[in-house]
Amino acid sequence: LTNQMRRASVRVPSNIAEGYGRQSRADYVKHLRISRASLAELSTQMELATSLNMISKDQQVEGLLAETDRVLQGLIRSLELK
């Protein structure tokens, strides 16, 4: 689970960077969505780790995950409206 969480957390910014680097709005939005999916995966893994008593519940981490999701969704929406 730890390795999966590490991979998911690395995929979030990596996909943002890859999409931006492709210099195409469609590719950027596609990679932002992939990044958002990786963030959802990480959030689920955090819930699992908490429910399995592997880690303590951390409101700050949960807040950061939620805020990152809101920012990504806002960016996706803004790019789709252009």
C-alpha atoms as a PDB file:
ATOM      1  CA  LEU A   1       0.000   0.000   0.000  1.00  0.00           C
ATOM      2  CA  THR A   2       2.854   2.372   0.796  1.00  0.00           C
ATOM      3  CA  ASN A   3       4.375   1.849  -2.647  1.00  0.00           C
ATOM      4  CA  GLN A   4       1.020   2.391  -4.345  1.00  0.00           C
ATOM      5  CA  MET A   5       0.531   5.619  -2.400  1.00  0.00           C
ATOM      6  CA  ARG A   6       3.985   6.845  -3.354  1.00  0.00           C
ATOM      7  CA  ARG A   7       3.393   6.075  -7.036  1.00  0.00           C
ATOM      8  CA  ALA A   8      -0.015   7.769  -7.039  1.00  0.00           C
ATOM      9  CA  SER A   9       1.373  10.874  -5.321  1.00  0.00           C
ATOM     10  CA  VAL A  10       4.175  11.135  -7.898  1.00  0.00           C
ATOM     11  CA  ARG A  11       1.733  10.695 -10.796  1.00  0.00           C
ATOM     12  CA  VAL A  12      -0.331  13.748  -9.802  1.00  0.00           C
ATOM     13  CA  PRO A  13       2.263  16.466 -10.569  1.00  0.00           C
ATOM     14  CA  SER A  14       3.943  14.347 -13.247  1.00  0.00           C
ATOM     15  CA  ASN A  15       0.782  14.204 -15.342  1.00  0.00           C
ATOM     16  CA  ILE A  16       0.185  17.924 -14.901  1.00  0.00           C
ATOM     17  CA  ALA A  17       3.696  18.630 -16.170  1.00  0.00           C
ATOM     18  CA  GLU A  18       3.445  16.178 -19.050  1.00  0.00           C
ATOM     19  CA  GLY A  19       0.123  17.611 -20.231  1.00  0.00           C
ATOM     20  CA  TYR A  20       1.409  21.171 -20.025  1.00  0.00           C
ATOM     21  CA  GLY A  21       4.570  20.204 -21.888  1.00  0.00           C
ATOM     22  CA  ARG A  22       2.599  18.850 -24.830  1.00  0.00           C
ATOM     23  CA  GLN A  23       1.476  22.424 -25.613  1.00  0.00           C
ATOM     24  CA  SER A  24      -2.012  21.371 -26.645  1.00  0.00           C
ATOM     25  CA  ARG A  25      -5.070  22.364 -24.655  1.00  0.00           C
ATOM     26  CA  ALA A  26      -6.752  19.015 -25.348  1.00  0.00           C
ATOM     27  CA  ASP A  27      -3.692  17.069 -24.160  1.00  0.00           C
ATOM     28  CA  TYR A  28      -3.348  19.310 -21.122  1.00  0.00           C
ATOM     29  CA  VAL A  29      -6.973  18.737 -20.092  1.00  0.00           C
ATOM     30  CA  LYS A  30      -6.590  14.998 -20.694  1.00  0.00           C
ATOM     31  CA  HIS A  31      -3.548  14.832 -18.416  1.00  0.00           C
ATOM     32  CA  LEU A  32      -5.215  17.014 -15.788  1.00  0.00           C
ATOM     33  CA  ARG A  33      -8.038  14.468 -15.695  1.00  0.00           C
ATOM     34  CA  ILE A  34      -5.524  11.636 -15.368  1.00  0.00           C
ATOM     35  CA  SER A  35      -3.862  13.589 -12.558  1.00  0.00           C
ATOM     36  CA  ARG A  36      -7.224  13.997 -10.840  1.00  0.00           C
ATOM     37  CA  ALA A  37      -7.811  10.251 -11.107  1.00  0.00           C
ATOM     38  CA  SER A  38      -4.441   9.586  -9.472  1.00  0.00           C
ATOM     39  CA  LEU A  39      -5.409  11.994  -6.711  1.00  0.00           C
ATOM     40  CA  ALA A  40      -8.663  10.074  -6.175  1.00  0.00           C
ATOM     41  CA  GLU A  41      -6.642   6.860  -6.026  1.00  0.00           C
ATOM     42  CA  LEU A  42      -4.362   8.395  -3.394  1.00  0.00           C
ATOM     43  CA  SER A  43      -7.341   9.621  -1.387  1.00  0.00           C
ATOM     44  CA  THR A  44      -8.837   6.128  -1.413  1.00  0.00           C
ATOM     45  CA  GLN A  45      -5.534   4.622  -0.356  1.00  0.00           C
ATOM     46  CA  MET A  46      -5.353   7.091   2.536  1.00  0.00           C
ATOM     47  CA  GLU A  47      -8.823   5.980   3.643  1.00  0.00           C
ATOM     48  CA  LEU A  48      -7.774   2.341   3.432  1.00  0.00           C
ATOM     49  CA  ALA A  49      -4.583   2.921   5.390  1.00  0.00           C
ATOM     50  CA  THR A  50      -6.586   4.743   8.058  1.00  0.00           C
ATOM     51  CA  SER A  51      -9.271   2.072   8.288  1.00  0.00           C
ATOM     52  CA  LEU A  52      -6.590  -0.625   8.537  1.00  0.00           C
ATOM     53  CA  ASN A  53      -4.967   1.364  11.368  1.00  0.00           C
ATOM     54  CA  MET A  54      -1.742   1.687   9.388  1.00  0.00           C
ATOM     55  CA  ILE A  55      -1.796   5.480   9.797  1.00  0.00           C
ATOM     56  CA  SER A  56      -3.687   7.990  11.922  1.00  0.00           C
ATOM     57  CA  LYS A  57      -6.396  10.115  10.406  1.00  0.00           C
ATOM     58  CA  ASP A  58      -4.914  13.462   9.436  1.00  0.00           C
ATOM     59  CA  GLN A  59      -7.337  16.329   8.792  1.00  0.00           C
ATOM     60  CA  GLN A  60      -4.605  18.472   7.253  1.00  0.00           C
ATOM     61  CA  VAL A  61      -3.728  15.831   4.656  1.00  0.00           C
ATOM     62  CA  GLU A  62      -7.408  15.265   3.887  1.00  0.00           C
ATOM     63  CA  GLY A  63      -7.837  19.016   3.443  1.00  0.00           C
ATOM     64  CA  LEU A  64      -4.863  19.221   1.091  1.00  0.00           C
ATOM     65  CA  LEU A  65      -6.200  16.347  -1.009  1.00  0.00           C
ATOM     66  CA  ALA A  66      -9.616  18.014  -1.234  1.00  0.00           C
ATOM     67  CA  GLU A  67      -8.122  21.424  -2.081  1.00  0.00           C
ATOM     68  CA  THR A  68      -5.885  19.923  -4.766  1.00  0.00           C
ATOM     69  CA  ASP A  69      -8.930  18.243  -6.298  1.00  0.00           C
ATOM     70  CA  ARG A  70     -10.853  21.549  -6.309  1.00  0.00           C
ATOM     71  CA  VAL A  71      -7.935  23.356  -7.948  1.00  0.00           C
ATOM     72  CA  LEU A  72      -7.553  20.686 -10.630  1.00  0.00           C
ATOM     73  CA  GLN A  73     -11.289  20.669 -11.359  1.00  0.00           C
ATOM     74  CA  GLY A  74     -11.322  24.469 -11.579  1.00  0.00           C
ATOM     75  CA  LEU A  75      -8.401  24.451 -13.999  1.00  0.00           C
ATOM     76  CA  ILE A  76     -10.082  21.791 -16.134  1.00  0.00           C
ATOM     77  CA  ARG A  77     -13.294  23.812 -16.270  1.00  0.00           C
ATOM     78  CA  SER A  78     -11.495  27.031 -17.151  1.00  0.00           C
ATOM     79  CA  LEU A  79      -9.608  25.342 -19.986  1.00  0.00           C
ATOM     80  CA  GLU A  80     -12.764  23.720 -21.334  1.00  0.00           C
ATOM     81  CA  LEU A  81     -14.559  27.095 -21.469  1.00  0.00           C
ATOM     82  CA  LYS A  82     -11.868  28.662 -23.674  1.00  0.00           C
END
